[in-house]
Protein backbone atom coordinates (compact mmCIF):
# COMPACT_ATOMS: atom_id res chain seq x y z
CA MET A 1 73.20 72.15 68.79
CA THR A 2 75.07 68.85 70.05
CA ALA A 3 78.65 69.02 71.79
CA LEU A 4 79.96 67.77 68.46
CA GLN A 5 78.29 70.28 66.10
CA GLN A 6 79.51 72.98 68.84
CA ALA A 7 83.30 71.48 68.53
CA PHE A 8 83.61 71.92 65.01
CA GLU A 9 82.65 75.28 64.86
CA THR A 10 84.99 76.37 67.85
CA ALA A 11 87.52 73.97 65.81
CA ALA A 12 87.25 75.91 62.56
CA GLN A 13 87.61 79.55 64.73
CA GLN A 14 90.60 78.22 66.48
CA TRP A 15 92.25 76.69 63.52
CA ARG A 16 92.14 80.01 61.01
CA GLN A 17 93.46 82.25 64.32
CA LEU A 18 95.95 80.10 64.35
CA GLU A 19 96.65 80.03 60.48
CA GLU A 20 96.25 83.87 60.88
CA SER A 21 98.01 84.74 63.86
CA LYS A 22 99.54 87.97 63.73
CA THR A 23 101.79 86.97 66.85
CA PRO A 24 104.45 84.31 65.95
CA VAL A 25 103.58 80.69 66.81
CA PHE A 26 105.88 77.75 67.72
CA PHE A 27 105.13 74.21 66.78
CA VAL A 28 108.13 71.60 68.60
CA GLY A 29 107.73 68.19 67.49
CA ALA A 30 107.89 66.69 71.51
CA ALA A 31 106.69 63.07 70.93
CA THR A 32 109.02 60.77 72.35
CA CYS A 33 112.03 60.76 69.61
CA GLY A 34 111.88 64.46 70.02
CA ARG A 35 111.96 64.16 73.62
CA ALA A 36 114.76 61.96 73.41
CA ALA A 37 116.71 64.33 71.31
CA GLY A 38 116.25 67.31 73.79
CA ALA A 39 112.61 68.79 72.78
CA ILE A 40 111.67 69.48 76.75
CA GLU A 41 115.27 71.55 77.20
CA VAL A 42 114.42 73.69 73.80
CA ILE A 43 110.69 74.35 74.91
CA GLU A 44 111.97 75.71 78.18
CA ARG A 45 114.72 77.67 76.60
CA LEU A 46 112.12 78.95 74.03
CA LYS A 47 109.22 79.99 76.82
CA ASN A 48 112.15 81.28 78.79
CA GLU A 49 113.32 83.69 75.99
CA ILE A 50 110.08 84.68 74.75
CA LYS A 51 109.61 85.59 77.82
CA LYS A 52 112.92 87.95 78.24
CA ARG A 53 112.16 89.40 75.45
CA ASN A 54 108.12 89.90 76.22
CA LEU A 55 107.15 88.87 73.59
CA GLN A 56 103.73 87.99 72.37
CA ALA A 57 103.76 84.24 70.89
CA GLN A 58 102.73 80.63 71.30
CA VAL A 59 104.56 77.90 71.83
CA ILE A 60 102.51 74.34 70.52
CA GLU A 61 103.89 70.62 71.52
CA VAL A 62 102.68 69.06 68.43
CA GLY A 63 104.01 64.95 67.36
CA CYS A 64 106.51 63.63 65.28
CA LEU A 65 106.84 65.04 61.85
CA GLY A 66 108.74 61.83 61.06
CA PRO A 67 112.52 62.60 60.31
CA CYS A 68 113.87 61.18 63.90
CA SER A 69 117.55 61.92 62.82
CA MET A 70 116.49 65.75 62.66
CA GLU A 71 114.93 66.03 65.65
CA PRO A 72 114.37 68.34 67.87
CA ILE A 73 112.07 69.70 65.25
CA LEU A 74 110.52 73.40 65.37
CA ILE A 75 107.99 74.70 62.90
CA VAL A 76 107.83 78.70 62.63
CA HIS A 77 104.90 80.74 62.07
CA LYS A 78 105.83 84.40 61.41
CA ASN A 79 103.07 86.79 60.36
CA GLY A 80 103.32 87.11 56.87
CA ALA A 81 105.47 84.42 56.02
CA PRO A 82 105.09 80.85 55.19
CA ARG A 83 105.92 78.31 58.51
CA LEU A 84 109.59 77.27 58.46
CA CYS A 85 110.20 73.92 59.71
CA TYR A 86 113.92 73.84 61.49
CA GLY A 87 115.89 70.46 62.10
CA ASN A 88 118.32 69.99 65.05
CA VAL A 89 117.42 72.59 66.65
CA ASP A 90 119.12 72.96 70.18
CA PRO A 91 118.88 75.67 72.72
CA GLU A 92 121.40 77.68 71.58
CA ARG A 93 120.04 77.91 68.31
CA ILE A 94 116.50 79.32 69.48
CA SER A 95 117.80 82.76 70.72
CA ALA A 96 119.29 82.95 66.91
CA ILE A 97 115.95 82.07 65.24
CA LEU A 98 114.04 84.28 67.54
CA ASP A 99 116.44 87.52 66.81
CA ARG A 100 117.62 86.86 63.07
CA TYR A 101 114.50 85.44 61.47
CA VAL A 102 111.31 86.51 63.96
CA ALA A 103 112.55 89.99 64.92
CA GLY A 104 114.62 90.24 61.43
CA ASN A 105 114.77 89.16 58.24
CA ASP A 106 117.31 85.95 58.11
CA PRO A 107 115.60 83.05 58.04
CA CYS A 108 118.69 81.19 59.01
CA PRO A 109 118.22 78.42 55.67
CA GLN A 110 121.11 76.91 57.17
CA TRP A 111 119.06 75.44 59.30
CA ALA A 112 115.71 75.08 57.75
CA LEU A 113 114.30 71.73 56.47
CA GLY A 114 111.90 73.68 54.26
CA ARG A 115 108.61 75.37 54.46
CA MET A 116 105.68 74.26 55.56
CA THR A 117 102.86 76.77 54.04
CA GLN A 118 102.73 78.12 50.42
CA GLY A 119 105.06 81.60 50.28
CA ARG A 120 108.35 82.48 49.03
CA ILE A 121 111.34 82.67 51.23
CA ASP A 122 114.16 82.93 48.87
CA GLY A 123 116.94 79.87 49.92
CA ILE A 124 114.55 77.39 51.35
CA GLY A 125 112.56 75.19 49.36
CA ASP A 126 109.12 73.23 50.15
CA ILE A 127 109.30 70.77 52.61
CA ALA A 128 107.59 68.55 50.10
CA ASP A 129 110.78 68.97 48.09
CA HIS A 130 113.39 67.60 50.86
CA PRO A 131 114.96 64.41 49.76
CA MET A 132 113.20 62.66 52.84
CA PHE A 133 109.75 63.90 52.12
CA ARG A 134 109.98 63.82 48.21
CA ALA A 135 108.90 60.10 47.55
CA GLN A 136 106.55 59.91 50.73
CA VAL A 137 102.84 60.08 50.53
CA ARG A 138 101.73 61.15 53.36
CA HIS A 139 98.02 60.04 54.45
CA ILE A 140 98.50 58.13 57.83
CA LEU A 141 101.29 60.70 58.67
CA LYS A 142 99.14 63.86 57.20
CA ARG A 143 98.30 65.04 61.09
CA CYS A 144 101.63 64.19 62.78
CA GLY A 145 103.85 66.80 63.60
CA LEU A 146 101.58 69.84 62.46
CA ILE A 147 98.38 69.24 65.10
CA ASP A 148 98.17 69.36 68.97
CA PRO A 149 97.76 65.43 69.95
CA GLU A 150 95.81 66.90 73.08
CA ASN A 151 93.71 69.55 71.47
CA VAL A 152 90.78 67.51 69.74
CA HIS A 153 89.44 70.49 67.93
CA HIS A 154 93.16 70.60 66.12
CA TYR A 155 91.88 67.29 65.16
CA LEU A 156 88.30 68.21 63.93
CA ALA A 157 89.41 70.78 62.10
CA ASN A 158 91.49 69.09 59.62
CA SER A 159 88.99 66.38 58.61
CA GLY A 160 88.28 64.44 62.35
CA TYR A 161 85.43 62.46 62.87
CA ARG A 162 83.69 62.94 59.37
CA GLY A 163 84.69 59.82 58.20
CA PHE A 164 82.42 58.07 61.33
CA LEU A 165 79.87 60.77 60.54
CA LYS A 166 79.96 59.42 56.73
CA ALA A 167 79.60 55.74 57.87
CA LEU A 168 76.73 56.63 60.37
CA GLU A 169 74.82 57.85 56.82
CA LEU A 170 75.70 54.84 55.12
CA GLY A 171 74.85 52.12 57.88
CA ARG A 172 76.71 49.27 59.03
CA ASP A 173 76.51 47.62 55.64
CA GLY A 174 77.21 50.42 53.34
CA THR A 175 80.46 50.94 55.73
CA PHE A 176 81.34 47.60 55.58
CA ASP A 177 80.87 47.88 51.57
CA GLU A 178 83.01 50.20 51.32
CA VAL A 179 86.18 48.68 53.21
CA ARG A 180 85.33 46.10 50.99
CA LYS A 181 86.14 47.87 47.73
CA SER A 182 89.03 49.42 49.52
CA GLY A 183 91.19 46.41 49.65
CA LEU A 184 92.50 47.39 52.94
CA ARG A 185 94.71 44.71 54.46
CA GLY A 186 95.73 44.30 57.99
CA ARG A 187 98.43 46.55 58.53
CA GLY A 188 100.09 44.20 61.56
CA GLY A 189 102.35 41.85 59.39
CA ALA A 190 99.88 39.32 57.65
CA GLY A 191 98.24 40.95 55.59
CA PHE A 192 95.06 39.71 55.88
CA PRO A 193 92.05 41.29 54.19
CA THR A 194 90.40 43.72 56.66
CA TRP A 195 86.95 43.11 55.20
CA ARG A 196 87.05 39.20 55.16
CA LYS A 197 87.70 39.33 58.75
CA TRP A 198 84.73 41.61 59.86
CA GLN A 199 82.52 39.71 57.54
CA LEU A 200 83.18 36.72 59.65
CA CYS A 201 82.48 38.75 62.65
CA ARG A 202 79.05 40.15 61.27
CA GLN A 203 77.93 36.55 60.21
CA THR A 204 78.51 35.04 63.72
CA ALA A 205 75.13 35.26 65.78
CA SER A 206 76.16 36.97 69.13
CA ASP A 207 74.29 39.32 71.71
CA ILE A 208 77.62 40.85 72.85
CA LYS A 209 80.79 41.47 70.31
CA TYR A 210 84.15 43.14 70.87
CA LEU A 211 86.48 45.46 69.24
CA ILE A 212 90.28 45.18 70.46
CA CYS A 213 92.91 47.77 68.66
CA ASN A 214 96.33 45.99 69.12
CA ALA A 215 98.94 48.47 70.14
CA ASP A 216 101.41 46.38 71.86
CA GLU A 217 104.34 46.65 69.14
CA GLY A 218 107.26 44.96 70.58
CA ASP A 219 109.53 44.49 67.63
CA PRO A 220 112.57 46.02 67.90
CA GLY A 221 113.86 48.74 65.91
CA ALA A 222 109.54 49.60 65.56
CA PHE A 223 108.07 52.64 66.75
CA MET A 224 104.98 53.30 63.67
CA ASN A 225 102.11 52.56 65.91
CA ARG A 226 103.46 54.75 69.01
CA SER A 227 104.46 57.87 67.44
CA LEU A 228 101.17 57.84 65.80
CA ILE A 229 99.24 57.55 68.75
CA GLU A 230 101.65 60.13 70.03
CA SER A 231 101.05 62.19 67.34
CA ASP A 232 97.40 61.81 66.33
CA PRO A 233 95.31 59.71 68.70
CA HIS A 234 91.97 60.42 67.44
CA SER A 235 92.67 59.00 63.84
CA VAL A 236 92.92 55.66 66.02
CA LEU A 237 89.72 55.84 68.19
CA GLU A 238 87.68 57.14 65.06
CA GLY A 239 88.79 53.82 63.32
CA MET A 240 87.68 52.14 66.28
CA LEU A 241 84.40 53.92 65.94
CA ILE A 242 83.82 52.66 62.46
CA ALA A 243 84.90 49.72 63.30
CA ALA A 244 82.56 48.85 65.81
CA PHE A 245 79.70 50.56 64.08
CA SER A 246 79.82 48.16 61.30
CA ILE A 247 80.59 44.65 63.12
CA GLY A 248 78.22 45.88 65.74
CA ALA A 249 80.63 45.65 68.28
CA GLY A 250 79.68 47.68 71.99
CA GLU A 251 82.71 47.61 73.75
CA GLY A 252 86.77 47.98 72.75
CA TYR A 253 90.03 47.45 74.05
CA ILE A 254 92.77 48.74 73.21
CA TYR A 255 95.92 47.02 74.37
CA CYS A 256 99.09 49.39 74.72
CA ARG A 257 102.48 48.28 76.30
CA ALA A 258 103.12 50.14 79.66
CA GLU A 259 106.27 51.13 78.34
CA TYR A 260 104.83 53.61 76.14
CA PRO A 261 103.63 56.10 79.13
CA LEU A 262 103.45 59.18 76.27
CA ALA A 263 101.09 57.12 74.26
CA LEU A 264 99.13 56.04 76.95
CA HIS A 265 98.67 59.39 78.47
CA ARG A 266 97.55 61.11 75.23
CA LEU A 267 95.20 58.02 74.28
CA GLU A 268 93.46 58.42 77.92
CA THR A 269 93.35 62.61 77.34
CA ALA A 270 91.44 61.87 73.67
CA ILE A 271 89.10 59.04 75.04
CA CYS A 272 87.94 61.58 77.83
CA GLN A 273 87.69 64.39 74.80
CA MET A 274 85.39 61.70 72.93
CA ARG A 275 83.14 61.16 76.39
CA ARG A 276 82.52 64.90 76.38
CA LEU A 277 81.81 65.05 72.48
CA GLY A 278 79.07 62.83 72.52
CA LEU A 279 81.38 60.04 71.27
CA LEU A 280 80.80 56.95 73.52
CA GLY A 281 78.50 56.08 75.28
CA SER A 282 74.29 55.32 74.59
CA ASN A 283 73.14 56.04 71.39
CA ILE A 284 76.08 57.87 69.95
CA GLN A 285 75.08 61.09 67.90
CA GLY A 286 71.13 59.96 67.84
CA SER A 287 72.22 57.12 65.80
CA GLY A 288 71.58 54.23 68.19
CA PHE A 289 74.84 52.61 68.16
CA SER A 290 76.47 52.72 71.74
CA PHE A 291 79.98 52.00 72.07
CA GLU A 292 82.48 52.09 75.00
CA LEU A 293 86.36 51.95 75.29
CA HIS A 294 88.98 50.71 78.06
CA ILE A 295 92.74 51.36 77.79
CA LYS A 296 94.61 47.57 79.35
CA LYS A 297 98.45 48.29 79.88
CA GLY A 298 100.10 45.41 78.62
CA ALA A 299 103.51 43.99 80.83
CA GLY A 300 105.86 44.18 77.76
CA ALA A 301 105.61 40.79 76.73
CA PHE A 302 106.18 40.20 72.78
CA VAL A 303 104.21 36.84 72.47
CA CYS A 304 100.97 39.36 73.36
CA GLY A 305 101.22 40.66 70.31
CA GLU A 306 99.77 37.41 69.14
CA GLU A 307 96.01 38.23 68.97
CA THR A 308 94.85 34.83 70.82
CA ALA A 309 97.73 35.37 73.88
CA LEU A 310 96.93 39.42 73.66
CA ILE A 311 93.00 38.23 74.54
CA ALA A 312 94.55 35.91 77.10
CA SER A 313 96.00 38.93 79.13
CA ILE A 314 92.80 41.15 78.94
CA GLU A 315 91.31 38.39 80.41
CA GLY A 316 93.51 38.45 83.22
CA ARG A 317 95.56 34.76 82.18
CA ARG A 318 99.13 34.30 81.29
CA GLY A 319 99.55 35.65 77.72
CA MET A 320 99.65 32.57 75.67
CA PRO A 321 98.34 31.58 72.57
CA ARG A 322 95.74 28.88 71.93
CA PRO A 323 95.20 26.81 68.94
CA ARG A 324 93.23 28.04 66.04
CA PRO A 325 89.96 27.78 64.66
CA PRO A 326 88.24 28.87 66.34
CA PHE A 327 89.28 32.20 65.24
CA PRO A 328 88.64 35.29 67.28
CA ALA A 329 86.31 36.65 64.98
CA VAL A 330 84.39 33.81 65.99
CA SER A 331 85.20 32.96 69.72
CA GLY A 332 87.48 35.83 70.77
CA LEU A 333 87.46 37.80 74.29
CA TRP A 334 85.42 36.00 76.84
CA GLU A 335 84.25 33.48 73.83
CA LYS A 336 82.30 36.25 72.14
CA PRO A 337 83.16 37.14 68.47
CA THR A 338 85.93 39.65 68.63
CA ILE A 339 88.21 41.56 65.84
CA ILE A 340 91.60 42.59 66.59
CA GLN A 341 93.39 45.24 64.41
CA ASN A 342 96.32 46.88 64.30
CA VAL A 343 96.87 50.46 64.78
CA GLU A 344 97.58 51.72 61.47
CA THR A 345 94.53 49.82 60.12
CA LEU A 346 92.33 51.41 62.24
CA ALA A 347 93.85 54.94 61.47
CA ASN A 348 92.84 54.11 57.67
CA LEU A 349 89.10 54.08 57.82
CA ALA A 350 88.33 57.17 58.97
CA MET A 351 90.11 58.47 55.26
CA ILE A 352 88.68 55.48 53.34
CA LEU A 353 84.90 56.59 54.53
CA ASP A 354 85.38 60.15 54.18
CA ASN A 355 87.25 60.13 51.04
CA GLY A 356 85.70 56.78 49.51
CA ALA A 357 87.13 53.38 48.40
CA GLY A 358 87.84 54.81 45.12
CA TRP A 359 90.23 57.45 46.15
CA PHE A 360 92.43 54.85 48.92
CA VAL A 361 92.87 52.20 45.71
CA ARG A 362 94.34 54.96 43.86
CA TYR A 363 97.77 54.17 45.56
CA GLY A 364 99.67 51.12 46.24
CA SER A 365 99.86 48.25 44.16
CA ALA A 366 97.41 45.59 42.35
CA SER A 367 97.20 43.29 45.43
CA SER A 368 98.36 45.77 48.15
CA LYS A 369 95.94 49.14 48.18
CA GLY A 370 97.14 52.20 49.85
CA THR A 371 100.24 53.71 51.91
CA LYS A 372 102.13 51.64 54.39
CA THR A 373 104.53 53.24 57.42
CA PHE A 374 107.67 52.08 58.03
CA ALA A 375 110.07 53.06 61.35
CA LEU A 376 113.40 53.33 58.88
CA ALA A 377 116.48 52.20 61.09
CA GLY A 378 119.75 51.00 61.38
CA LYS A 379 122.83 52.17 59.53
CA ILE A 380 121.36 54.69 57.01
CA ASN A 381 121.73 58.53 57.28
CA ARG A 382 118.04 59.57 57.41
CA THR A 383 116.27 57.38 59.81
CA GLY A 384 112.93 58.36 60.95
CA LEU A 385 109.20 57.22 60.31
CA ILE A 386 107.92 57.71 56.85
CA GLU A 387 105.10 56.75 55.14
CA VAL A 388 104.86 55.19 51.25
CA PRO A 389 102.93 53.75 48.60
CA LEU A 390 102.99 50.08 48.83
CA GLY A 391 104.95 48.59 45.96
CA ILE A 392 107.65 51.14 46.30
CA SER A 393 110.70 49.61 45.45
CA LEU A 394 113.20 48.86 48.72
CA LYS A 395 116.09 50.68 46.45
CA ASP A 396 113.69 53.85 46.77
CA VAL A 397 112.61 53.85 49.92
CA ILE A 398 116.81 52.98 50.95
CA TYR A 399 118.63 55.55 48.68
CA ASP A 400 115.86 58.17 47.96
CA ILE A 401 114.04 58.94 51.31
CA GLY A 402 116.88 57.38 53.63
CA GLY A 403 120.10 58.58 51.79
CA GLY A 404 121.91 55.89 51.77
CA VAL A 405 124.23 54.38 53.98
CA GLY A 406 127.24 56.66 55.51
CA ALA A 407 130.53 57.64 53.78
CA GLY A 408 132.94 54.85 52.77
CA LYS A 409 130.39 52.31 53.52
CA LYS A 410 128.11 49.59 51.42
CA LEU A 411 124.96 48.59 52.09
CA LYS A 412 124.54 44.50 53.00
CA GLY A 413 121.37 44.15 53.46
CA VAL A 414 117.63 45.54 54.76
CA GLN A 415 115.83 43.72 57.34
CA THR A 416 112.24 44.04 57.49
CA GLY A 417 109.49 42.54 59.56
CA GLY A 418 111.36 43.11 63.12
CA PRO A 419 112.54 39.79 64.35
CA SER A 420 109.57 37.57 62.40
CA GLY A 421 110.91 38.71 59.11
CA GLY A 422 114.25 38.26 57.39
CA CYS A 423 117.10 40.00 56.04
CA ILE A 424 117.33 40.60 52.08
CA PRO A 425 120.81 41.25 50.41
CA ALA A 426 121.34 44.68 48.59
CA ASP A 427 121.47 43.01 45.10
CA LYS A 428 117.35 42.64 45.85
CA LEU A 429 116.54 45.95 46.19
CA ASP A 430 114.39 46.32 43.33
CA LEU A 431 111.99 44.26 45.45
CA PRO A 432 108.49 45.56 45.75
CA VAL A 433 107.40 46.87 49.47
CA ASP A 434 104.18 44.65 49.24
CA TYR A 435 103.01 41.75 51.19
CA GLU A 436 103.97 38.83 48.64
CA SER A 437 107.32 40.26 47.25
CA LEU A 438 108.29 40.40 50.85
CA THR A 439 107.04 36.68 51.81
CA ALA A 440 108.45 35.22 48.71
CA SER A 441 111.87 36.39 49.64
CA GLY A 442 111.91 34.67 52.87
CA SER A 443 110.83 38.13 55.03
CA MET A 444 107.43 39.80 55.47
CA MET A 445 106.08 43.08 55.65
CA GLY A 446 105.88 42.81 59.90
CA SER A 447 104.51 45.87 61.45
CA GLY A 448 106.67 47.90 59.40
CA GLY A 449 110.11 47.68 61.03
CA MET A 450 112.97 48.45 58.19
CA ILE A 451 116.62 48.45 59.41
CA ALA A 452 119.58 48.87 56.99
CA LEU A 453 122.51 46.89 57.18
CA ASP A 454 125.74 48.20 56.14
CA ASP A 455 129.33 45.89 55.65
CA ASP A 456 129.86 46.78 59.39
CA THR A 457 126.94 44.44 60.28
CA CYS A 458 128.05 40.46 60.52
CA MET A 459 124.80 38.29 59.51
CA VAL A 460 125.77 35.43 61.93
CA ASP A 461 125.46 38.07 64.35
CA ILE A 462 121.86 39.65 63.62
CA ALA A 463 120.60 36.46 63.12
CA LYS A 464 121.97 35.66 66.59
CA TYR A 465 120.47 38.73 67.59
CA PHE A 466 116.85 38.34 66.20
CA LEU A 467 116.92 34.42 67.43
CA SER A 468 117.63 35.43 71.08
CA PHE A 469 115.21 38.17 71.44
CA THR A 470 112.37 35.63 70.15
CA GLN A 471 113.79 32.76 72.16
CA ALA A 472 113.73 35.04 74.99
CA GLU A 473 110.00 36.12 74.38
CA SER A 474 108.73 32.74 73.87
CA CYS A 475 105.69 31.70 76.00
CA GLY A 476 107.07 28.56 75.91
CA LYS A 477 103.62 26.55 75.57
CA CYS A 478 104.81 24.32 72.31
CA PRO A 479 108.04 22.77 72.12
CA PRO A 480 109.03 23.70 68.41
CA CYS A 481 109.12 27.04 70.04
CA ARG A 482 110.57 26.67 73.22
CA ILE A 483 113.46 24.10 72.35
CA GLY A 484 113.81 24.50 68.21
CA THR A 485 114.76 28.42 69.16
CA ARG A 486 117.18 27.65 72.36
CA ALA A 487 119.01 24.62 69.71
CA MET A 488 119.07 26.88 67.08
CA LEU A 489 120.64 29.92 69.18
CA GLU A 490 122.97 27.60 70.39
CA ILE A 491 124.28 26.58 67.33
CA LEU A 492 125.01 30.16 66.42
CA GLU A 493 126.63 31.15 69.40
CA LYS A 494 129.06 28.24 68.44
CA ILE A 495 129.62 29.76 64.51
CA ALA A 496 130.22 33.23 66.33
CA SER A 497 132.44 31.89 69.13
CA GLY A 498 134.38 30.23 66.46
CA ARG A 499 133.49 26.83 67.13
CA GLY A 500 131.57 25.82 64.33
CA ALA A 501 131.53 22.61 62.99
CA ALA A 502 131.13 21.53 59.00
CA ASP A 503 127.35 20.29 59.46
CA ASP A 504 126.40 23.04 61.35
CA MET A 505 124.74 24.65 58.73
CA ASP A 506 122.49 21.79 57.73
CA LYS A 507 121.59 21.43 61.25
CA LEU A 508 120.36 24.93 61.85
CA GLY A 509 118.50 24.69 58.37
CA THR A 510 116.66 21.65 59.30
CA MET A 511 115.87 23.27 62.82
CA ALA A 512 114.61 26.68 61.42
CA GLN A 513 112.48 24.37 59.07
CA THR A 514 110.93 22.58 61.93
CA VAL A 515 110.20 25.33 64.14
CA ARG A 516 108.74 27.29 61.45
CA ASP A 517 105.98 24.32 60.12
CA ALA A 518 105.61 22.55 63.88
CA SER A 519 105.10 25.96 66.23
CA LEU A 520 101.87 26.54 67.48
CA CYS A 521 101.36 30.12 66.75
CA GLY A 522 103.04 32.65 64.13
CA LEU A 523 105.22 34.29 66.63
CA GLY A 524 106.90 30.52 66.65
CA GLN A 525 106.23 29.58 62.82
CA THR A 526 107.85 33.43 61.91
CA ALA A 527 110.88 33.40 64.60
CA PRO A 528 113.37 31.30 61.77
CA ASN A 529 112.68 33.96 59.07
CA PRO A 530 115.98 35.60 60.26
CA VAL A 531 117.82 32.62 60.19
CA LEU A 532 116.97 30.99 57.21
CA THR A 533 117.13 34.29 55.12
CA THR A 534 120.79 34.73 56.24
CA LEU A 535 121.64 30.91 55.36
CA ARG A 536 119.79 31.54 51.95
CA TYR A 537 121.37 34.89 51.04
CA PHE A 538 124.58 35.02 52.88
CA GLY A 539 125.77 31.49 53.42
CA ALA A 540 129.02 32.63 52.35
CA GLU A 541 129.59 34.29 55.43
CA TYR A 542 128.76 31.45 57.55
CA GLU A 543 131.19 29.31 55.72
CA GLN A 544 133.76 32.01 56.39
CA HIS A 545 132.94 31.66 60.04
CA ILE A 546 132.97 27.91 59.98
CA GLN A 547 135.75 27.18 57.84
CA LYS A 548 138.22 30.17 58.50
CA ARG A 549 137.16 31.11 62.18
CA GLN A 550 137.18 34.63 60.25
CA CYS A 551 134.37 37.55 61.21
CA PRO A 552 134.54 39.45 58.12
CA ALA A 553 132.41 42.41 59.78
CA PHE A 554 135.28 42.52 62.80
CA VAL A 555 131.83 42.18 64.94
CA CYS A 556 132.25 38.54 66.75
CA ALA A 557 134.17 39.16 69.60
CA ALA A 558 135.80 35.42 69.82
CA LEU A 559 137.47 35.58 66.19
CA VAL A 560 138.41 39.26 66.56
CA SER A 561 141.82 40.41 68.44
CA TYR A 562 143.19 43.66 68.85
CA HIS A 563 146.41 44.76 68.00
CA ILE A 564 148.79 47.97 68.09
CA ASP A 565 150.59 49.25 65.11
CA ALA A 566 154.09 50.21 66.81
CA GLU A 567 154.77 52.55 64.04
CA ARG A 568 151.78 54.71 64.44
CA CYS A 569 151.42 54.67 68.17
CA SER A 570 153.16 57.89 69.96
CA GLY A 571 152.95 56.48 73.21
CA CYS A 572 149.99 58.66 74.32
CA THR A 573 148.69 56.68 76.95
CA ALA A 574 144.85 57.03 76.03
CA CYS A 575 144.26 53.53 75.87
CA VAL A 576 146.22 52.46 78.91
CA LYS A 577 143.89 54.64 80.56
CA ALA A 578 140.90 53.57 79.22
CA CYS A 579 141.20 49.58 79.00
CA PRO A 580 138.93 48.14 81.85
CA VAL A 581 141.10 45.00 82.11
CA GLU A 582 144.65 46.63 81.89
CA ALA A 583 145.42 44.48 79.12
CA ILE A 584 147.86 47.24 77.37
CA LEU A 585 151.19 47.64 78.46
CA GLY A 586 153.84 50.14 77.70
CA GLU A 587 155.63 53.44 78.68
CA ARG A 588 154.83 57.01 77.69
CA LYS A 589 155.89 58.02 74.46
CA LYS A 590 156.83 55.17 73.71
CA PRO A 591 154.91 52.04 71.73
CA HIS A 592 152.39 49.99 73.44
CA LYS A 593 151.57 46.22 73.31
CA ILE A 594 148.58 44.65 73.70
CA ASP A 595 148.62 41.31 76.02
CA GLN A 596 146.22 39.10 74.21
CA SER A 597 145.74 36.77 77.34
CA LYS A 598 144.48 39.92 79.39
CA CYS A 599 142.36 41.38 76.44
CA ILE A 600 138.64 41.25 76.50
CA HIS A 601 137.83 42.50 73.10
CA CYS A 602 135.81 45.28 73.82
CA GLY A 603 137.25 47.42 71.09
CA VAL A 604 137.41 50.29 74.06
CA CYS A 605 141.11 51.14 72.86
CA LEU A 606 139.84 51.57 69.40
CA ASP A 607 137.26 54.31 70.44
CA THR A 608 139.91 56.14 72.51
CA CYS A 609 142.69 55.87 70.17
CA PRO A 610 143.37 59.83 68.79
CA GLU A 611 142.37 60.40 65.29
CA ALA A 612 145.84 61.50 64.38
CA TYR A 613 147.37 58.58 65.11
CA ALA A 614 144.81 55.53 64.20
CA ALA A 615 147.24 53.02 65.67
CA ILE A 616 144.76 50.46 66.70
CA TYR A 617 143.70 48.08 64.44
CA ARG A 618 141.92 44.34 64.15
CA SER A 619 142.08 41.14 63.05
CA SER A 620 139.91 38.10 62.37
CA GLY A 621 141.85 35.08 61.17
CA SER A 622 143.93 36.73 58.10
CA LEU A 623 142.00 39.82 57.84
CA THR A 624 143.10 42.85 59.20
CA ARG A 625 141.42 46.18 59.40
CA TYR A 626 142.98 49.75 60.47
CA GLU A 627 140.07 51.89 61.32
CA GLN A 628 139.37 55.52 62.78
CA ARG A 629 136.03 55.33 64.34
CA LYS A 630 135.67 58.91 64.86
CA SER A 631 136.46 60.34 61.85
CA GLY A 632 134.52 56.99 59.83
CA GLU A 633 136.97 56.18 57.73
CA SER A 634 138.50 52.41 57.54
CA LYS A 635 140.81 50.65 55.50
CA SER A 636 140.94 47.25 55.11
C-alpha cells in the first residue's frame, strides 16, 4: 500500500470519527479575516472554558466560511444534533453557548446563522437558506471554513486529490481535452481560455517547461486568493499538479506576496504534506510524471501581478513588464515555455477532472462557464467572500447576497475589477456578471473585487483614489503610464480642490484614452478605466465640482466646510476638546463657532458632537447637510 492509499484510509476514518463524535467539536474560523475580528481571543476563551468545565471536546481552527461581516464565526457540533453556525461570536458569548446549548437545550437562535448539517432545531433554518448563501453556488469554496487547512486528511476525506488521480488515468491529452471541453477561462482578469494557453505551451518544443501560480493579488479590497489559500491550500496545489502534468512542466513556482504570512505558512505546510504522500518529486505515484514546487515571496509590487513582470521577479530581476510576443507560453521563465495561472483558475481544475467537463458547464453563461468568487466590500450590509455562477446580475449580488446599502442610503454604483476596473452606475445593475458584459460597460472582471458605493461616495474622489494607487505602483518603464497617470492624477486633484477648469474633463478623457492605447502592459492599459467610467456615467458630478465648486457627497475636503448650528449647540465642549487645531471657539454651555481660517476640514468635530444635539453640519457651496454619523441618520 502506498503512502497516499494509506492516507486515504486514515482520512476516511478520521472524518467519520469527527462526524460521529460523541463529544463536542468546535470549528472556529481562523483565517486572516476571522483573526482580525478576534478569532484568536475566541479560541483562547473557548479552550479556557472547556478546561474549567473539565469538558472533553475538540477545538479545530478552520478557514474562511465567507461572511466577513459576521466574523468571528463558530460552528458547534453536538452529539445527536445538527452542526450550528454562530456569527459575531465574542469571548463573552462562548460561556453562554457552552452553558445554554452544549450543556443544555437552548440553541441560542439569536446568534445562529443556520444549520450546517441535516437535522432539525426549532427556530434555526439551514445555512443555505440564509440570505447571504441562498443565491451562491459554492464549488471552489465548498471546503472553506469546514476543514482544517493544515490537516491533509481533512482534504483527502472531501474529494482531495481525486481529480489528479483521474488526470493520471486520462493521460496528458485526455486531461487537456477535459479542460478544453469545460470552457474554463482564466480567473485572473482577462478571461483568456485556459486550454488555448496550454495548447500553445504544449506545442512549443522544449526539454524544460514551467508552471507558475500567480498569488500576488494586489488589488485594494480584494482577498479571494488569500482566503482560498488560507482555507483550502491543497485545492490550489492539486490544480498545479494537474496543469503541470498536462503541459509537461517539471517545476512550478507559487508567487505569493510576503504580506500574506498565514497563506504562506499554510502553503509551506501543505507542500511538506504532499511530499510525504508521494505527490511531489520523481515518478509521482508510479506515473512517470515528476514535479517539484517552490514558493517565491513577492515584495508587494502591484506590477508583479502582470505575468512578465512576475517572471522577472522570480528570476531575481526588477519586476518590470516586457513587450509581447513572445508570450510566456512560448518563452517565459528563463526563456522556457511557461504557463502562469491565477489561484482560482487552478482550484477549478481538480473539480473539472473529478466531476467531468459536463458537470462544470452546467453553471455559468454561454460564454463564461462555471462559478466565480468575489470579495464583496464597500458600503454594503453583508461583506465577505462569495461564490456565484457567472452570468448572475449585479443586482442579485448587491441586494440578495450583500443585503444592499445601509439604512437611509442609496446605492450609487458598483466598482469591479480593482484599480484596473471601472465604476458601473446603479441604473445598470441588471448587467450580467460575465467577461464580455463587464468589459462592454467599461469595467472588467479582474480577479474578483466588487465594491459597493453609496451616495456618500464622491466619484471624483473614487477615481482619484484608484488612479493614485496605480500611479504610485507604476513601474515607470513606459512613458504613457509613467507620465500619463501622473498628469491625469494632477487634473483630478485640481478638480477635487475646487480649481477645475472648463476643459479639464476633455483633457482628462483624452489623456485616459492615450494611456489606455499606448501603455506597454495590461496594468497601464487598464489604469484609466476608473477615470473613463466615472466620466462616462457620472459626468454631471464632475461638472458640479468644476462649475459650482460643490462636492455633492461632501467628501472633497477643499470644497467642504464645517459649521455649528447655534440653536442646536448646547455648549458641551466635546468638539472643542477633540479639535486638533483649536479652531472651535466658545464658552461652556454657550453656542460655539468654528474659525474657518484655522479649520482643516478633518470632520472630528462632526464625529464627536453628541447624538442628542447633532449641532454640526457641513456645507459645500449652496449644499448643506446635517448629519449624525453615530446614529447613521442624515438630512440634506
